[in-house]
N, C-alpha and C. Protein backbone atom coordinates (compact mmCIF):
# COMPACT_ATOMS: atom_id res chain seq x y z
N MET A 1 95.88 119.61 107.61
CA MET A 1 97.23 119.17 107.90
C MET A 1 97.20 117.66 108.18
N ILE A 2 98.15 116.97 107.63
CA ILE A 2 98.28 115.53 107.85
C ILE A 2 99.04 115.30 109.15
N GLN A 3 98.52 114.39 109.97
CA GLN A 3 99.17 114.02 111.23
C GLN A 3 99.72 112.61 111.06
N ILE A 4 101.03 112.46 111.20
CA ILE A 4 101.66 111.15 111.07
C ILE A 4 102.38 110.84 112.38
N THR A 5 101.98 109.71 112.96
CA THR A 5 102.66 109.22 114.15
C THR A 5 103.54 108.05 113.72
N ILE A 6 104.78 108.08 114.15
CA ILE A 6 105.70 106.99 113.85
C ILE A 6 106.06 106.33 115.17
N TYR A 7 105.63 105.07 115.28
CA TYR A 7 105.91 104.27 116.46
C TYR A 7 107.10 103.37 116.17
N SER A 8 107.98 103.25 117.13
CA SER A 8 109.10 102.32 116.96
C SER A 8 109.66 101.92 118.31
N ILE A 9 110.51 100.93 118.25
CA ILE A 9 111.22 100.46 119.44
C ILE A 9 112.57 101.18 119.44
N GLY A 10 112.90 101.83 120.51
CA GLY A 10 114.20 102.48 120.63
C GLY A 10 114.27 103.83 119.94
N LYS A 11 115.04 104.73 120.53
CA LYS A 11 115.19 106.08 120.02
C LYS A 11 116.34 106.17 119.01
N THR A 12 116.41 107.31 118.34
CA THR A 12 117.50 107.56 117.42
C THR A 12 118.77 107.84 118.22
N LYS A 13 119.82 107.12 117.89
CA LYS A 13 121.07 107.26 118.64
C LYS A 13 122.09 108.12 117.90
N GLU A 14 121.93 108.26 116.63
CA GLU A 14 122.90 109.00 115.82
C GLU A 14 122.41 110.43 115.59
N PRO A 15 123.20 111.43 115.99
CA PRO A 15 122.78 112.83 115.80
C PRO A 15 122.50 113.18 114.35
N TRP A 16 123.26 112.64 113.41
CA TRP A 16 123.05 112.98 112.00
C TRP A 16 121.71 112.47 111.49
N LEU A 17 121.20 111.37 112.06
CA LEU A 17 119.87 110.89 111.67
C LEU A 17 118.80 111.84 112.18
N ASP A 18 118.95 112.30 113.42
CA ASP A 18 118.02 113.29 113.97
C ASP A 18 118.03 114.56 113.13
N GLU A 19 119.20 115.00 112.72
CA GLU A 19 119.31 116.21 111.89
C GLU A 19 118.58 116.02 110.56
N GLY A 20 118.72 114.85 109.95
CA GLY A 20 118.03 114.58 108.69
C GLY A 20 116.52 114.60 108.86
N ILE A 21 116.04 113.97 109.92
CA ILE A 21 114.59 113.95 110.18
C ILE A 21 114.09 115.37 110.43
N LYS A 22 114.82 116.14 111.22
CA LYS A 22 114.42 117.53 111.52
C LYS A 22 114.40 118.40 110.26
N MET A 23 115.32 118.14 109.33
CA MET A 23 115.35 118.89 108.08
C MET A 23 114.04 118.67 107.30
N TYR A 24 113.61 117.41 107.20
CA TYR A 24 112.36 117.14 106.47
C TYR A 24 111.15 117.64 107.24
N GLU A 25 111.18 117.55 108.56
CA GLU A 25 110.08 118.10 109.36
C GLU A 25 109.93 119.60 109.09
N LYS A 26 111.06 120.30 109.03
CA LYS A 26 111.04 121.74 108.77
C LYS A 26 110.48 122.03 107.38
N ARG A 27 110.87 121.24 106.40
CA ARG A 27 110.37 121.42 105.03
C ARG A 27 108.86 121.17 104.94
N LEU A 28 108.36 120.32 105.82
CA LEU A 28 106.94 119.96 105.79
C LEU A 28 106.09 120.79 106.76
N LEU A 29 106.71 121.73 107.42
CA LEU A 29 106.02 122.57 108.40
C LEU A 29 104.74 123.16 107.79
N GLY A 30 103.65 123.02 108.49
CA GLY A 30 102.37 123.55 108.03
C GLY A 30 101.60 122.58 107.14
N ARG A 31 102.26 121.51 106.68
CA ARG A 31 101.58 120.53 105.83
C ARG A 31 101.45 119.17 106.51
N VAL A 32 102.49 118.80 107.25
CA VAL A 32 102.50 117.51 107.97
C VAL A 32 103.06 117.74 109.35
N ARG A 33 102.42 117.14 110.33
CA ARG A 33 102.94 117.18 111.69
C ARG A 33 103.30 115.74 112.08
N PHE A 34 104.54 115.56 112.48
CA PHE A 34 105.01 114.25 112.91
C PHE A 34 105.02 114.17 114.43
N GLN A 35 104.70 112.99 114.90
CA GLN A 35 104.85 112.68 116.32
C GLN A 35 105.61 111.36 116.36
N PHE A 36 106.63 111.30 117.19
CA PHE A 36 107.43 110.09 117.33
C PHE A 36 107.19 109.51 118.71
N SER A 37 106.85 108.23 118.76
CA SER A 37 106.63 107.54 120.03
C SER A 37 107.54 106.32 120.06
N PHE A 38 108.34 106.24 121.11
CA PHE A 38 109.34 105.18 121.23
C PHE A 38 108.96 104.22 122.35
N ALA A 39 108.69 102.99 121.98
CA ALA A 39 108.32 101.97 122.96
C ALA A 39 109.56 101.25 123.47
N LYS A 40 109.47 100.76 124.68
CA LYS A 40 110.60 100.01 125.25
C LYS A 40 110.56 98.54 124.84
N ASP A 41 109.35 98.05 124.48
CA ASP A 41 109.23 96.63 124.13
C ASP A 41 108.05 96.41 123.18
N ASP A 42 107.96 95.19 122.65
CA ASP A 42 106.91 94.85 121.68
C ASP A 42 105.51 94.95 122.27
N GLU A 43 105.36 94.57 123.52
CA GLU A 43 104.04 94.61 124.15
C GLU A 43 103.52 96.04 124.23
N THR A 44 104.37 96.97 124.60
CA THR A 44 103.97 98.37 124.66
C THR A 44 103.60 98.87 123.27
N LEU A 45 104.42 98.55 122.29
CA LEU A 45 104.15 98.96 120.91
C LEU A 45 102.79 98.42 120.46
N ASP A 46 102.52 97.15 120.69
CA ASP A 46 101.24 96.55 120.30
C ASP A 46 100.07 97.25 120.98
N ARG A 47 100.22 97.58 122.24
CA ARG A 47 99.15 98.27 122.98
C ARG A 47 98.87 99.65 122.37
N TRP A 48 99.94 100.37 122.03
CA TRP A 48 99.76 101.69 121.41
C TRP A 48 99.08 101.57 120.05
N LEU A 49 99.47 100.57 119.27
CA LEU A 49 98.88 100.40 117.94
C LEU A 49 97.39 100.08 118.02
N ASP A 50 97.00 99.33 119.04
CA ASP A 50 95.58 98.99 119.22
C ASP A 50 94.72 100.23 119.44
N GLU A 51 95.32 101.33 119.87
CA GLU A 51 94.57 102.56 120.11
C GLU A 51 94.46 103.44 118.86
N GLU A 52 95.13 103.06 117.78
CA GLU A 52 95.13 103.85 116.54
C GLU A 52 94.09 103.33 115.56
N THR A 53 93.77 104.16 114.55
CA THR A 53 92.80 103.74 113.54
C THR A 53 93.45 103.37 112.20
N ASN A 54 94.33 104.19 111.69
CA ASN A 54 95.01 103.92 110.42
C ASN A 54 96.44 103.48 110.68
N VAL A 55 96.65 102.19 110.85
CA VAL A 55 97.98 101.68 111.18
C VAL A 55 98.59 101.00 109.97
N VAL A 56 99.84 101.34 109.71
CA VAL A 56 100.61 100.71 108.64
C VAL A 56 101.90 100.20 109.26
N LEU A 57 102.17 98.91 109.09
CA LEU A 57 103.42 98.35 109.57
C LEU A 57 104.47 98.45 108.47
N LEU A 58 105.66 98.87 108.82
CA LEU A 58 106.78 98.82 107.89
C LEU A 58 107.44 97.47 108.14
N ASP A 59 107.32 96.59 107.15
CA ASP A 59 107.71 95.21 107.34
C ASP A 59 108.26 94.64 106.04
N LEU A 60 109.32 93.87 106.14
CA LEU A 60 109.93 93.26 104.95
C LEU A 60 108.94 92.41 104.16
N GLU A 61 107.94 91.84 104.83
CA GLU A 61 106.95 91.01 104.16
C GLU A 61 105.80 91.83 103.58
N GLY A 62 105.85 93.14 103.78
CA GLY A 62 104.79 94.00 103.29
C GLY A 62 104.87 94.20 101.79
N LYS A 63 103.87 94.89 101.27
CA LYS A 63 103.80 95.17 99.84
C LYS A 63 104.95 96.09 99.43
N GLN A 64 105.66 95.71 98.41
CA GLN A 64 106.71 96.57 97.85
C GLN A 64 106.03 97.67 97.04
N VAL A 65 106.32 98.91 97.35
CA VAL A 65 105.69 100.02 96.64
C VAL A 65 106.75 100.96 96.08
N THR A 66 106.41 101.61 94.99
CA THR A 66 107.25 102.66 94.44
C THR A 66 106.93 103.96 95.17
N SER A 67 107.72 104.98 94.95
CA SER A 67 107.43 106.29 95.55
C SER A 67 106.09 106.81 95.06
N GLU A 68 105.77 106.58 93.80
CA GLU A 68 104.47 107.02 93.26
C GLU A 68 103.32 106.29 93.94
N GLU A 69 103.47 104.99 94.15
CA GLU A 69 102.43 104.22 94.82
C GLU A 69 102.31 104.63 96.29
N PHE A 70 103.42 104.93 96.92
CA PHE A 70 103.39 105.39 98.31
C PHE A 70 102.64 106.72 98.39
N CYS A 71 102.91 107.62 97.47
CA CYS A 71 102.21 108.91 97.40
C CYS A 71 100.70 108.69 97.26
N GLU A 72 100.33 107.82 96.34
CA GLU A 72 98.91 107.52 96.13
C GLU A 72 98.29 106.94 97.39
N PHE A 73 99.00 106.03 98.04
CA PHE A 73 98.51 105.42 99.27
C PHE A 73 98.28 106.48 100.35
N ILE A 74 99.25 107.36 100.55
CA ILE A 74 99.12 108.41 101.57
C ILE A 74 97.87 109.24 101.32
N PHE A 75 97.69 109.72 100.09
CA PHE A 75 96.58 110.63 99.83
C PHE A 75 95.24 109.92 99.79
N LYS A 76 95.19 108.68 99.35
CA LYS A 76 93.93 107.93 99.41
C LYS A 76 93.53 107.68 100.86
N THR A 77 94.50 107.36 101.69
CA THR A 77 94.22 107.12 103.11
C THR A 77 93.70 108.39 103.77
N VAL A 78 94.33 109.51 103.47
CA VAL A 78 93.92 110.78 104.05
C VAL A 78 92.53 111.18 103.55
N GLU A 79 92.26 110.95 102.27
CA GLU A 79 90.98 111.34 101.69
C GLU A 79 89.81 110.47 102.17
N LYS A 80 90.05 109.17 102.37
CA LYS A 80 88.94 108.29 102.75
C LYS A 80 88.65 108.30 104.25
N SER A 81 89.59 108.76 105.02
CA SER A 81 89.36 108.85 106.46
C SER A 81 89.78 110.24 106.90
N HIS A 82 90.21 110.39 108.08
CA HIS A 82 90.71 111.70 108.50
C HIS A 82 92.22 111.71 108.31
N PRO A 83 92.83 112.88 108.30
CA PRO A 83 94.26 112.98 107.94
C PRO A 83 95.22 112.54 109.04
N LYS A 84 95.01 111.31 109.53
CA LYS A 84 95.90 110.80 110.57
C LYS A 84 96.30 109.37 110.19
N ILE A 85 97.61 109.16 110.14
CA ILE A 85 98.15 107.84 109.81
C ILE A 85 99.21 107.49 110.84
N ALA A 86 99.23 106.23 111.25
CA ALA A 86 100.25 105.74 112.18
C ALA A 86 101.09 104.69 111.46
N PHE A 87 102.38 104.92 111.43
CA PHE A 87 103.32 103.94 110.89
C PHE A 87 104.04 103.31 112.07
N ALA A 88 104.34 102.02 111.95
CA ALA A 88 105.04 101.33 113.03
C ALA A 88 106.26 100.60 112.47
N ILE A 89 107.36 100.73 113.20
CA ILE A 89 108.61 100.07 112.87
C ILE A 89 108.88 99.09 114.02
N GLY A 90 108.99 97.82 113.69
CA GLY A 90 109.16 96.80 114.72
C GLY A 90 110.56 96.78 115.31
N GLY A 91 110.71 95.97 116.32
CA GLY A 91 112.00 95.80 116.97
C GLY A 91 112.91 94.89 116.15
N PRO A 92 114.04 94.50 116.73
CA PRO A 92 115.02 93.69 116.01
C PRO A 92 114.47 92.38 115.45
N GLU A 93 113.47 91.81 116.10
CA GLU A 93 112.86 90.56 115.63
C GLU A 93 111.65 90.80 114.75
N GLY A 94 111.33 92.06 114.47
CA GLY A 94 110.15 92.37 113.66
C GLY A 94 108.87 92.27 114.48
N PHE A 95 107.75 92.22 113.79
CA PHE A 95 106.44 92.14 114.44
C PHE A 95 106.04 90.69 114.65
N SER A 96 105.22 90.46 115.66
CA SER A 96 104.69 89.12 115.88
C SER A 96 103.71 88.79 114.76
N SER A 97 103.47 87.51 114.53
CA SER A 97 102.53 87.12 113.48
C SER A 97 101.13 87.64 113.80
N LYS A 98 100.78 87.71 115.08
CA LYS A 98 99.48 88.24 115.49
C LYS A 98 99.34 89.71 115.08
N THR A 99 100.39 90.50 115.30
CA THR A 99 100.37 91.91 114.91
C THR A 99 100.32 92.04 113.39
N LYS A 100 101.09 91.23 112.68
CA LYS A 100 101.11 91.29 111.22
C LYS A 100 99.74 90.99 110.61
N GLU A 101 98.97 90.14 111.26
CA GLU A 101 97.64 89.79 110.76
C GLU A 101 96.65 90.95 110.88
N LYS A 102 96.87 91.83 111.84
CA LYS A 102 95.91 92.91 112.14
C LYS A 102 95.99 94.10 111.19
N TYR A 103 97.19 94.40 110.68
CA TYR A 103 97.40 95.68 110.02
C TYR A 103 97.95 95.54 108.60
N TYR A 104 97.73 96.59 107.84
CA TYR A 104 98.28 96.66 106.48
C TYR A 104 99.79 96.80 106.58
N LYS A 105 100.51 96.17 105.66
CA LYS A 105 101.97 96.19 105.71
C LYS A 105 102.54 96.68 104.38
N ILE A 106 103.54 97.55 104.47
CA ILE A 106 104.32 97.91 103.29
C ILE A 106 105.80 97.73 103.63
N ALA A 107 106.59 97.58 102.59
CA ALA A 107 108.04 97.46 102.76
C ALA A 107 108.68 98.69 102.17
N LEU A 108 109.59 99.30 102.91
CA LEU A 108 110.33 100.43 102.36
C LEU A 108 111.31 99.96 101.29
N SER A 109 111.74 98.72 101.41
CA SER A 109 112.72 98.16 100.50
C SER A 109 112.85 96.68 100.81
N LYS A 110 113.51 95.95 99.94
CA LYS A 110 113.85 94.57 100.26
C LYS A 110 115.06 94.52 101.18
N LEU A 111 115.73 95.65 101.29
CA LEU A 111 116.87 95.75 102.20
C LEU A 111 116.38 95.90 103.64
N THR A 112 117.19 95.50 104.58
CA THR A 112 116.88 95.69 105.99
C THR A 112 117.57 96.96 106.47
N PHE A 113 116.81 97.82 107.17
CA PHE A 113 117.35 99.05 107.72
C PHE A 113 117.27 99.00 109.25
N THR A 114 118.13 99.76 109.91
CA THR A 114 117.95 99.95 111.35
C THR A 114 116.67 100.75 111.54
N HIS A 115 116.09 100.70 112.76
CA HIS A 115 114.86 101.48 112.98
C HIS A 115 115.13 102.96 112.75
N GLN A 116 116.33 103.41 113.13
CA GLN A 116 116.66 104.82 112.95
C GLN A 116 116.67 105.20 111.47
N MET A 117 117.29 104.38 110.65
CA MET A 117 117.34 104.65 109.21
C MET A 117 115.93 104.57 108.60
N ALA A 118 115.15 103.60 109.06
CA ALA A 118 113.78 103.45 108.55
C ALA A 118 112.97 104.71 108.82
N ARG A 119 113.14 105.31 110.00
CA ARG A 119 112.41 106.56 110.30
C ARG A 119 112.79 107.66 109.33
N LEU A 120 114.08 107.81 109.06
CA LEU A 120 114.55 108.84 108.13
C LEU A 120 114.02 108.59 106.72
N VAL A 121 114.10 107.36 106.26
CA VAL A 121 113.61 107.02 104.92
C VAL A 121 112.11 107.28 104.83
N LEU A 122 111.37 106.91 105.86
CA LEU A 122 109.92 107.14 105.86
C LEU A 122 109.59 108.63 105.79
N VAL A 123 110.25 109.43 106.61
CA VAL A 123 109.98 110.87 106.61
C VAL A 123 110.34 111.48 105.25
N GLU A 124 111.44 111.04 104.65
CA GLU A 124 111.82 111.54 103.33
C GLU A 124 110.77 111.15 102.29
N GLN A 125 110.24 109.94 102.38
CA GLN A 125 109.23 109.50 101.41
C GLN A 125 107.92 110.27 101.58
N VAL A 126 107.58 110.64 102.79
CA VAL A 126 106.41 111.49 103.01
C VAL A 126 106.65 112.84 102.35
N TYR A 127 107.84 113.40 102.55
CA TYR A 127 108.18 114.68 101.91
C TYR A 127 108.10 114.54 100.39
N ARG A 128 108.68 113.48 99.86
CA ARG A 128 108.66 113.23 98.41
C ARG A 128 107.22 113.15 97.90
N SER A 129 106.36 112.49 98.65
CA SER A 129 104.95 112.34 98.26
C SER A 129 104.26 113.69 98.15
N LEU A 130 104.47 114.54 99.14
CA LEU A 130 103.84 115.86 99.09
C LEU A 130 104.41 116.71 97.96
N GLU A 131 105.68 116.58 97.71
CA GLU A 131 106.29 117.33 96.61
C GLU A 131 105.76 116.83 95.26
N MET A 132 105.61 115.54 95.11
CA MET A 132 105.05 114.98 93.87
C MET A 132 103.62 115.49 93.68
N ARG A 133 102.86 115.46 94.75
CA ARG A 133 101.46 115.89 94.70
C ARG A 133 101.33 117.36 94.29
N HIS A 134 102.33 118.18 94.64
CA HIS A 134 102.29 119.59 94.31
C HIS A 134 103.07 119.93 93.03
N GLY A 135 103.53 118.91 92.32
CA GLY A 135 104.19 119.15 91.03
C GLY A 135 105.62 119.64 91.12
N SER A 136 106.24 119.49 92.27
CA SER A 136 107.63 119.92 92.46
C SER A 136 108.58 119.06 91.62
N ARG A 137 109.75 119.59 91.36
CA ARG A 137 110.76 118.84 90.62
C ARG A 137 111.61 117.96 91.56
N TYR A 138 111.34 117.98 92.85
CA TYR A 138 112.11 117.21 93.81
C TYR A 138 112.19 115.73 93.42
N HIS A 139 111.11 115.19 92.94
CA HIS A 139 111.04 113.76 92.62
C HIS A 139 111.84 113.39 91.37
N LYS A 140 112.11 114.33 90.56
CA LYS A 140 112.80 114.04 89.27
C LYS A 140 114.24 113.72 89.46
């Protein structure tokens, strides 16, 4: 089972976003386990990230990837290490340059999303990746 921790600043405020995330969590039951950790500030987030091994920052300056490339990234990461990945979503000002230097960065889009929307998009892309890997028509 893949373990994905999503770190971010601030909790989800919109019930419909929580419902969307829960829908994908339910679809991924038994294949992926999500853990959500909400930091109050950048310093706390940085401290938590320092304790992780496979950290990926979701950042506008990160590598632009397609859904297929994201799928490949997820499974290569899981295969070369253990099945645990930590994604981080920065606060309103993004990540510090020091944090950006430490970790691999990908961009969900050239568009800017709220942290809440970014969590939903990330969870959906994880679901899409697993469906692609299993030959489902979901991606079509």
